[in-house]
Amino acid sequence: MKQKILFVNGHLNVGGVENSLINVLKSIDYKKYQVDLVLFEEFGDYIQEVPKEVNIIFYDLTNTSGPIIPCIINNLRMRNWFSICLRIIFLFQKIVGVRVLSLAKPLFKLNTHYDCAIAYRVGFCTDFVGFIIKSKKKVTWWHHGSYDYQKEETKRLINVLKRFDKLIAVSESCKKMLLHNIPEIHNKIFTIPNMINIKDILDKANERIDFNLEFNKDISLLSIGRLSPEKGMINCVHACKQLVDKGYRVKWLLIGEGTERLEIESCITKFKLENNIFLLGAISNPYPYIKNVNIYVHPSLVESLSITVLEAFALNTPVTVAKSLGPEEFIRNKENGLLVDPTPDGLFNGVVSLIKDQNLYSQLKKDKNEVLKNYSPEVVMEKINELIEAG
């Protein structure tokens, strides 16, 4: 008889967490496991990649946020009783505490008793699995590269985590960070890295794309990340300005969407870099871009692991990476990548080093199989299967 497994995530829009989840779903043995996937916001760009064996359950929570009165009035007009009831429960949750969420069980009508329920990101997904789902075992994943919870938020998180058997960090440095901030979880925290499926990456890297990747004599750079402060994408614009001012012919592609888009666009216009920086938006298959540029630049100020850097490794594209917890775990400076200060100057100096030093550039184009094997589907799925099967 198959074991019943549940994964819970907000959506399947383009993002590192979602990419990681898709890789796990593609690697599961469906002869052994019956898998449900719960989503709350929208299906997103990766929905087409979910294996057909996965049963997708969707609860639309998009009408449950915002000020209480307008929210309820709006839902009354639509006769959306589910959202009205849930919004009221959310209000009581703020007043009384997270345990009130148990009152929402009848709304979700999810009566399956799972063998293992996995909240694939901390937040409402964790609350949902903790207080709504019936399961023999409960697990949550931590993908964040920083810990920003205040004292009261930490107390709340600890109360939720009491309902879980395991907390999974995606890197050893991430695990140490969590233990420093929440020592109470020392007996339930383990490390399982995100997965890199090299075959899938190589296949997708050969797909045709709309953007013209003929850069002629220009130096081609690429950065991928959410356009938000912690990802440091605006630093790419300032670094590009320095490169252009120094006479370098640069084409810098930025893949991603987010709240800083208007600020980044304004900065590009201010520095007259319209012919040097190109905002491509969110793209579900970035691999042809990674494969064809000269250098992959990762400006993120905060990373728990950094999947895109490992994907650049898989495509033998040299990388310049801002120092943060995750990348420092697998990058050996000037051996398989460049680690630089998380500033415009740091990014600029890293790019210039690779332009000027052809020996270094050639070194960083070499195969990185010794690193990548630690993130292979075989290695990661063995750990996940052990997690599911363990008593």
Protein backbone atom coordinates (compact mmCIF):
# COMPACT_ATOMS: atom_id res chain seq x y z
CA MET A 1 0.00 0.00 0.00
CA LYS A 2 1.34 3.42 -0.97
CA GLN A 3 2.27 5.95 1.71
CA LYS A 4 0.30 9.21 1.54
CA ILE A 5 2.51 12.30 1.32
CA LEU A 6 1.40 15.94 1.37
CA PHE A 7 3.41 18.94 0.18
CA VAL A 8 2.17 22.46 0.98
CA ASN A 9 3.42 25.64 -0.73
CA GLY A 10 1.91 29.02 -1.52
CA HIS A 11 2.25 28.94 -5.31
CA LEU A 12 4.37 27.71 -8.21
CA ASN A 13 5.57 31.05 -9.57
CA VAL A 14 9.19 31.32 -10.71
CA GLY A 15 11.44 31.21 -7.64
CA GLY A 16 14.15 29.21 -5.94
CA VAL A 17 11.84 27.49 -3.44
CA GLU A 18 9.37 26.56 -6.15
CA ASN A 19 12.14 25.30 -8.45
CA SER A 20 13.41 23.14 -5.60
CA LEU A 21 9.92 21.76 -4.94
CA ILE A 22 9.41 20.90 -8.62
CA ASN A 23 12.72 19.01 -8.65
CA VAL A 24 11.62 16.98 -5.63
CA LEU A 25 8.22 16.20 -7.18
CA LYS A 26 9.93 15.04 -10.39
CA SER A 27 12.19 12.69 -8.46
CA ILE A 28 9.66 10.96 -6.18
CA ASP A 29 8.98 7.25 -6.67
CA TYR A 30 5.25 7.24 -7.39
CA LYS A 31 5.13 3.46 -7.12
CA LYS A 32 5.77 3.93 -3.39
CA TYR A 33 4.07 7.24 -2.65
CA GLN A 34 0.68 8.85 -3.28
CA VAL A 35 1.30 12.60 -3.38
CA ASP A 36 -1.01 15.59 -2.81
CA LEU A 37 0.14 19.18 -3.34
CA VAL A 38 -1.75 22.04 -1.66
CA LEU A 39 -1.42 25.57 -3.10
CA PHE A 40 -2.99 28.78 -1.78
CA GLU A 41 -2.27 31.73 -4.09
CA GLU A 42 -2.10 30.67 -7.72
CA PHE A 43 -0.74 27.86 -9.85
CA GLY A 44 2.10 29.88 -11.41
CA ASP A 45 4.63 29.34 -14.18
CA TYR A 46 5.88 25.94 -13.00
CA ILE A 47 2.46 24.26 -12.97
CA GLN A 48 3.17 22.56 -16.31
CA GLU A 49 6.17 20.81 -14.77
CA VAL A 50 4.26 19.12 -11.96
CA PRO A 51 4.21 15.35 -12.63
CA LYS A 52 0.82 13.98 -13.66
CA GLU A 53 0.82 11.63 -10.66
CA VAL A 54 0.54 14.58 -8.25
CA ASN A 55 -2.97 15.48 -7.07
CA ILE A 56 -3.16 19.29 -6.84
CA ILE A 57 -5.53 20.79 -4.26
CA PHE A 58 -6.12 24.54 -4.51
CA TYR A 59 -7.55 26.83 -1.83
CA ASP A 60 -7.83 30.45 -2.97
CA LEU A 61 -6.65 32.66 -0.10
CA THR A 62 -6.13 35.78 -2.23
CA ASN A 63 -9.32 37.36 -0.83
CA THR A 64 -8.49 36.82 2.85
CA SER A 65 -5.97 39.62 3.40
CA GLY A 66 -6.19 43.38 3.89
CA PRO A 67 -8.32 45.52 6.26
CA ILE A 68 -11.07 43.44 7.85
CA ILE A 69 -14.17 45.53 6.94
CA PRO A 70 -13.43 46.08 3.19
CA CYS A 71 -12.33 42.44 2.96
CA ILE A 72 -15.60 41.12 4.40
CA ILE A 73 -17.77 43.53 2.35
CA ASN A 74 -15.97 42.53 -0.85
CA ASN A 75 -16.43 38.83 -0.10
CA LEU A 76 -20.10 39.33 0.85
CA ARG A 77 -20.69 40.80 -2.60
CA MET A 78 -19.14 37.68 -4.14
CA ARG A 79 -20.86 35.38 -1.60
CA ASN A 80 -17.43 34.00 -0.82
CA TRP A 81 -18.26 32.42 2.55
CA PHE A 82 -14.98 30.49 2.68
CA SER A 83 -12.91 33.70 2.57
CA ILE A 84 -15.19 35.51 5.04
CA CYS A 85 -14.93 32.75 7.65
CA LEU A 86 -11.19 32.39 7.16
CA ARG A 87 -10.62 36.16 7.43
CA ILE A 88 -12.50 36.24 10.75
CA ILE A 89 -10.43 33.31 12.04
CA PHE A 90 -7.24 35.14 10.97
CA LEU A 91 -8.42 38.15 12.99
CA PHE A 92 -8.99 36.01 16.10
CA GLN A 93 -5.62 34.38 15.52
CA LYS A 94 -3.90 37.77 15.88
CA ILE A 95 -5.76 38.42 19.13
CA VAL A 96 -5.77 34.98 20.79
CA GLY A 97 -2.87 33.12 19.17
CA VAL A 98 -2.04 30.76 16.32
CA ARG A 99 -3.87 27.79 17.89
CA VAL A 100 -7.17 29.39 16.84
CA LEU A 101 -6.35 28.29 13.29
CA SER A 102 -7.59 24.82 14.26
CA LEU A 103 -11.12 26.27 13.96
CA ALA A 104 -10.57 26.49 10.20
CA LYS A 105 -10.35 22.70 9.75
CA PRO A 106 -13.98 22.30 8.55
CA LEU A 107 -13.45 25.00 5.90
CA PHE A 108 -10.73 23.05 4.11
CA LYS A 109 -12.55 19.70 4.11
CA LEU A 110 -9.26 17.85 3.87
CA ASN A 111 -9.91 14.60 5.72
CA THR A 112 -7.01 12.50 4.45
CA HIS A 113 -4.75 11.15 7.18
CA TYR A 114 -1.24 11.43 5.75
CA ASP A 115 1.86 9.44 6.56
CA CYS A 116 4.01 12.54 6.11
CA ALA A 117 2.95 16.19 5.66
CA ILE A 118 5.58 18.65 4.45
CA ALA A 119 5.28 22.45 4.68
CA TYR A 120 7.78 23.45 2.00
CA ARG A 121 8.22 26.97 3.34
CA VAL A 122 7.87 28.56 6.76
CA GLY A 123 4.87 30.86 7.27
CA PHE A 124 1.23 30.08 6.60
CA CYS A 125 2.25 26.74 5.06
CA THR A 126 3.73 25.76 8.42
CA ASP A 127 0.63 26.98 10.29
CA PHE A 128 -1.60 25.03 7.90
CA VAL A 129 0.26 21.74 8.31
CA GLY A 130 0.65 22.29 12.05
CA PHE A 131 -2.99 23.04 12.89
CA ILE A 132 -5.15 21.83 9.99
CA ILE A 133 -3.55 18.63 8.67
CA LYS A 134 -3.78 15.15 10.18
CA SER A 135 -0.50 13.31 9.68
CA LYS A 136 1.69 10.73 11.44
CA LYS A 137 4.72 12.91 10.76
CA LYS A 138 5.06 16.64 10.09
CA VAL A 139 8.08 18.31 8.48
CA THR A 140 8.84 21.89 7.47
CA TRP A 141 11.60 23.32 5.27
CA TRP A 142 13.60 26.50 5.98
CA HIS A 143 14.91 28.15 2.80
CA HIS A 144 15.76 31.64 4.13
CA GLY A 145 19.35 32.84 4.38
CA SER A 146 18.63 35.20 7.28
CA TYR A 147 16.66 35.17 10.51
CA ASP A 148 14.56 38.33 10.84
CA TYR A 149 12.03 37.26 13.48
CA GLN A 150 11.55 39.50 16.52
CA LYS A 151 11.08 38.11 20.05
CA GLU A 152 7.29 37.69 19.86
CA GLU A 153 7.48 36.23 16.35
CA THR A 154 10.09 33.73 17.54
CA LYS A 155 7.81 32.68 20.42
CA ARG A 156 4.98 32.11 17.96
CA LEU A 157 7.26 30.13 15.62
CA ILE A 158 8.45 27.91 18.48
CA ASN A 159 4.81 27.15 19.39
CA VAL A 160 4.10 26.12 15.79
CA LEU A 161 7.28 24.05 15.49
CA LYS A 162 6.28 22.05 18.58
CA ARG A 163 3.76 20.38 16.27
CA PHE A 164 6.50 19.26 13.87
CA ASP A 165 8.82 16.26 14.00
CA LYS A 166 11.55 17.72 11.81
CA LEU A 167 12.80 21.10 10.59
CA ILE A 168 14.93 20.92 7.45
CA ALA A 169 17.60 23.54 6.68
CA VAL A 170 18.97 23.63 3.13
CA SER A 171 22.59 24.20 4.18
CA GLU A 172 24.81 23.67 7.21
CA SER A 173 25.30 27.42 7.60
CA CYS A 174 21.53 27.88 7.55
CA LYS A 175 21.22 25.19 10.24
CA LYS A 176 23.79 26.96 12.45
CA MET A 177 21.94 30.26 12.03
CA LEU A 178 18.66 28.65 13.13
CA LEU A 179 20.25 26.93 16.12
CA HIS A 180 21.75 30.24 17.20
CA ASN A 181 18.33 31.93 17.11
CA ILE A 182 16.10 29.01 18.16
CA PRO A 183 18.19 26.63 20.31
CA GLU A 184 14.96 24.90 21.39
CA ILE A 185 14.87 23.04 18.04
CA HIS A 186 18.28 21.36 18.42
CA ASN A 187 16.78 17.86 18.55
CA LYS A 188 14.66 18.17 15.41
CA ILE A 189 16.73 20.15 12.89
CA PHE A 190 18.52 18.43 9.98
CA THR A 191 20.18 19.50 6.74
CA ILE A 192 18.97 18.45 3.28
CA PRO A 193 20.27 20.62 0.42
CA ASN A 194 18.24 21.71 -2.56
CA MET A 195 18.52 19.49 -5.61
CA ILE A 196 20.25 20.22 -8.92
CA ASN A 197 19.10 18.03 -11.81
CA ILE A 198 21.97 18.44 -14.29
CA LYS A 199 20.32 16.44 -17.09
CA ASP A 200 17.19 18.59 -16.92
CA ILE A 201 19.27 21.78 -16.89
CA LEU A 202 21.36 20.71 -19.91
CA ASP A 203 18.23 19.74 -21.88
CA LYS A 204 16.46 23.02 -21.13
CA ALA A 205 19.61 25.04 -21.90
CA ASN A 206 19.29 23.96 -25.54
CA GLU A 207 15.72 25.21 -25.95
CA ARG A 208 15.08 28.14 -28.27
CA ILE A 209 14.30 31.53 -26.71
CA ASP A 210 12.96 34.82 -28.04
CA PHE A 211 15.77 37.08 -26.82
CA ASN A 212 18.70 37.60 -29.20
CA LEU A 213 21.78 36.23 -27.45
CA GLU A 214 24.21 37.43 -30.14
CA PHE A 215 26.36 39.83 -28.14
CA ASN A 216 29.08 40.37 -30.78
CA LYS A 217 32.06 41.96 -29.00
CA ASP A 218 30.10 42.96 -25.91
CA ILE A 219 30.76 41.36 -22.53
CA SER A 220 27.57 39.52 -21.58
CA LEU A 221 26.51 39.32 -17.94
CA LEU A 222 23.45 37.77 -16.30
CA SER A 223 21.85 38.06 -12.86
CA ILE A 224 18.76 36.18 -11.68
CA GLY A 225 16.71 37.03 -8.63
CA ARG A 226 13.62 38.68 -7.23
CA LEU A 227 13.71 42.46 -7.68
CA SER A 228 13.64 43.16 -3.95
CA PRO A 229 16.13 44.75 -1.53
CA GLU A 230 17.57 41.55 -0.05
CA LYS A 231 18.46 40.21 -3.51
CA GLY A 232 20.69 43.20 -4.27
CA MET A 233 19.70 43.41 -7.95
CA ILE A 234 19.94 47.20 -7.93
CA ASN A 235 23.66 46.82 -7.19
CA CYS A 236 24.00 45.36 -10.69
CA VAL A 237 22.91 48.70 -12.15
CA HIS A 238 25.53 50.62 -10.16
CA ALA A 239 28.22 48.07 -11.05
CA CYS A 240 27.23 48.29 -14.71
CA LYS A 241 27.58 52.10 -14.57
CA GLN A 242 31.16 51.67 -13.31
CA LEU A 243 31.95 49.19 -16.09
CA VAL A 244 30.58 51.50 -18.79
CA ASP A 245 32.41 54.50 -17.31
CA LYS A 246 35.64 52.48 -17.53
CA GLY A 247 35.04 51.83 -21.21
CA TYR A 248 33.80 48.24 -21.10
CA ARG A 249 31.18 47.23 -23.65
CA VAL A 250 28.62 45.48 -21.49
CA LYS A 251 25.24 43.82 -21.96
CA TRP A 252 23.76 42.87 -18.57
CA LEU A 253 20.55 40.82 -18.44
CA LEU A 254 18.39 40.84 -15.30
CA ILE A 255 15.84 38.03 -14.90
CA GLY A 256 13.20 38.39 -12.20
CA GLU A 257 10.28 40.47 -10.99
CA GLY A 258 9.53 42.30 -7.77
CA THR A 259 8.82 45.47 -5.84
CA GLU A 260 12.04 47.23 -6.87
CA ARG A 261 11.34 47.12 -10.60
CA LEU A 262 10.36 50.80 -10.90
CA GLU A 263 13.36 51.91 -8.84
CA ILE A 264 15.70 49.80 -10.99
CA GLU A 265 14.14 51.15 -14.20
CA SER A 266 14.55 54.71 -12.89
CA CYS A 267 18.19 54.02 -12.04
CA ILE A 268 18.83 52.60 -15.52
CA THR A 269 17.33 55.74 -17.09
CA LYS A 270 19.24 58.06 -14.74
CA PHE A 271 22.57 56.46 -15.68
CA LYS A 272 21.62 56.22 -19.40
CA LEU A 273 22.13 52.45 -19.43
CA GLU A 274 19.14 51.55 -21.61
CA ASN A 275 21.48 49.92 -24.15
CA ASN A 276 23.44 48.08 -21.47
CA ILE A 277 20.91 46.63 -19.00
CA PHE A 278 17.84 44.63 -20.01
CA LEU A 279 15.04 43.70 -17.61
CA LEU A 280 13.59 40.43 -18.91
CA GLY A 281 11.04 39.78 -16.15
CA ALA A 282 10.33 36.37 -14.63
CA ILE A 283 11.38 33.49 -16.89
CA SER A 284 10.64 29.85 -16.07
CA ASN A 285 13.55 28.56 -18.18
CA PRO A 286 16.63 30.75 -17.61
CA TYR A 287 19.13 28.07 -18.66
CA PRO A 288 19.74 29.17 -22.28
CA TYR A 289 20.67 32.58 -20.88
CA ILE A 290 22.99 31.13 -18.22
CA LYS A 291 24.64 28.93 -20.85
CA ASN A 292 25.28 31.69 -23.38
CA VAL A 293 26.52 34.62 -21.29
CA ASN A 294 30.17 35.21 -20.41
CA ILE A 295 29.69 35.62 -16.65
CA TYR A 296 26.91 34.89 -14.18
CA VAL A 297 26.80 37.58 -11.45
CA HIS A 298 24.92 36.77 -8.24
CA PRO A 299 24.37 39.98 -6.20
CA SER A 300 22.10 38.61 -3.44
CA LEU A 301 22.80 39.92 0.06
CA VAL A 302 21.08 36.92 1.67
CA GLU A 303 21.15 33.29 0.52
CA SER A 304 20.58 30.01 2.33
CA LEU A 305 22.12 28.05 -0.56
CA SER A 306 21.69 29.69 -4.02
CA ILE A 307 20.33 27.33 -6.62
CA THR A 308 21.09 29.62 -9.57
CA VAL A 309 24.82 29.65 -8.79
CA LEU A 310 24.82 25.85 -8.77
CA GLU A 311 22.90 25.89 -12.06
CA ALA A 312 25.62 28.13 -13.52
CA PHE A 313 28.14 25.55 -12.24
CA ALA A 314 26.24 22.86 -14.16
CA LEU A 315 26.54 24.91 -17.37
CA ASN A 316 30.23 25.80 -16.77
CA THR A 317 29.51 29.52 -16.76
CA PRO A 318 32.01 31.45 -14.58
CA VAL A 319 30.41 33.08 -11.54
CA THR A 320 30.97 36.21 -9.48
CA VAL A 321 29.00 35.87 -6.26
CA ALA A 322 28.30 38.28 -3.39
CA LYS A 323 29.37 36.77 -0.07
CA SER A 324 26.53 35.28 2.00
CA LEU A 325 25.91 32.16 4.10
CA GLY A 326 24.91 29.69 1.39
CA PRO A 327 27.41 30.31 -1.43
CA GLU A 328 30.34 30.50 1.00
CA GLU A 329 29.62 26.87 1.82
CA PHE A 330 30.47 25.51 -1.63
CA ILE A 331 32.45 28.23 -3.45
CA ARG A 332 36.22 28.02 -3.15
CA ASN A 333 37.37 31.50 -4.09
CA LYS A 334 39.27 31.62 -7.40
CA GLU A 335 39.05 27.82 -7.73
CA ASN A 336 35.43 27.32 -8.79
CA GLY A 337 34.03 30.86 -8.44
CA LEU A 338 34.70 34.38 -7.25
CA LEU A 339 33.40 35.54 -3.86
CA VAL A 340 33.13 39.33 -3.65
CA ASP A 341 31.82 41.98 -1.28
CA PRO A 342 28.01 42.38 -1.54
CA THR A 343 28.34 45.92 -2.95
CA PRO A 344 28.44 47.54 -6.40
CA ASP A 345 32.22 47.88 -6.03
CA GLY A 346 32.49 44.19 -5.15
CA LEU A 347 30.50 43.12 -8.22
CA PHE A 348 32.46 45.52 -10.45
CA ASN A 349 35.83 44.24 -9.21
CA GLY A 350 34.75 40.62 -9.64
CA VAL A 351 33.64 41.14 -13.23
CA VAL A 352 36.79 43.10 -14.12
CA SER A 353 38.96 40.32 -12.62
CA LEU A 354 37.36 37.77 -14.93
CA ILE A 355 37.63 40.07 -17.95
CA LYS A 356 41.32 40.80 -17.41
CA ASP A 357 42.56 37.42 -16.16
CA GLN A 358 41.97 34.81 -18.86
CA ASN A 359 43.67 32.09 -16.80
CA LEU A 360 41.22 32.71 -13.97
CA TYR A 361 38.31 32.80 -16.42
CA SER A 362 39.39 29.46 -17.91
CA GLN A 363 39.77 27.98 -14.43
CA LEU A 364 36.19 28.94 -13.56
CA LYS A 365 34.85 27.33 -16.77
CA LYS A 366 36.04 23.88 -15.72
CA ASP A 367 33.64 21.11 -14.70
CA LYS A 368 32.47 21.31 -11.10
CA ASN A 369 31.16 17.77 -10.71
CA GLU A 370 32.84 17.36 -7.32
CA VAL A 371 30.59 20.09 -5.95
CA LEU A 372 27.46 19.24 -7.93
CA LYS A 373 27.35 15.57 -6.93
CA ASN A 374 26.39 16.68 -3.40
CA TYR A 375 23.18 18.18 -4.84
CA SER A 376 22.26 15.38 -7.27
CA PRO A 377 18.74 13.88 -7.28
CA GLU A 378 20.18 10.55 -6.10
CA VAL A 379 21.90 12.04 -3.03
CA VAL A 380 19.09 14.43 -2.07
CA MET A 381 16.23 11.98 -2.63
CA GLU A 382 17.96 9.35 -0.52
CA LYS A 383 17.86 11.83 2.37
CA ILE A 384 14.24 12.81 1.70
CA ASN A 385 13.16 9.16 1.48
CA GLU A 386 14.91 8.46 4.79
CA LEU A 387 13.06 11.43 6.26
CA ILE A 388 9.69 10.10 5.08
CA GLU A 389 10.34 6.49 6.06
CA ALA A 390 11.94 7.11 9.47
CA GLY A 391 9.81 6.29 12.48
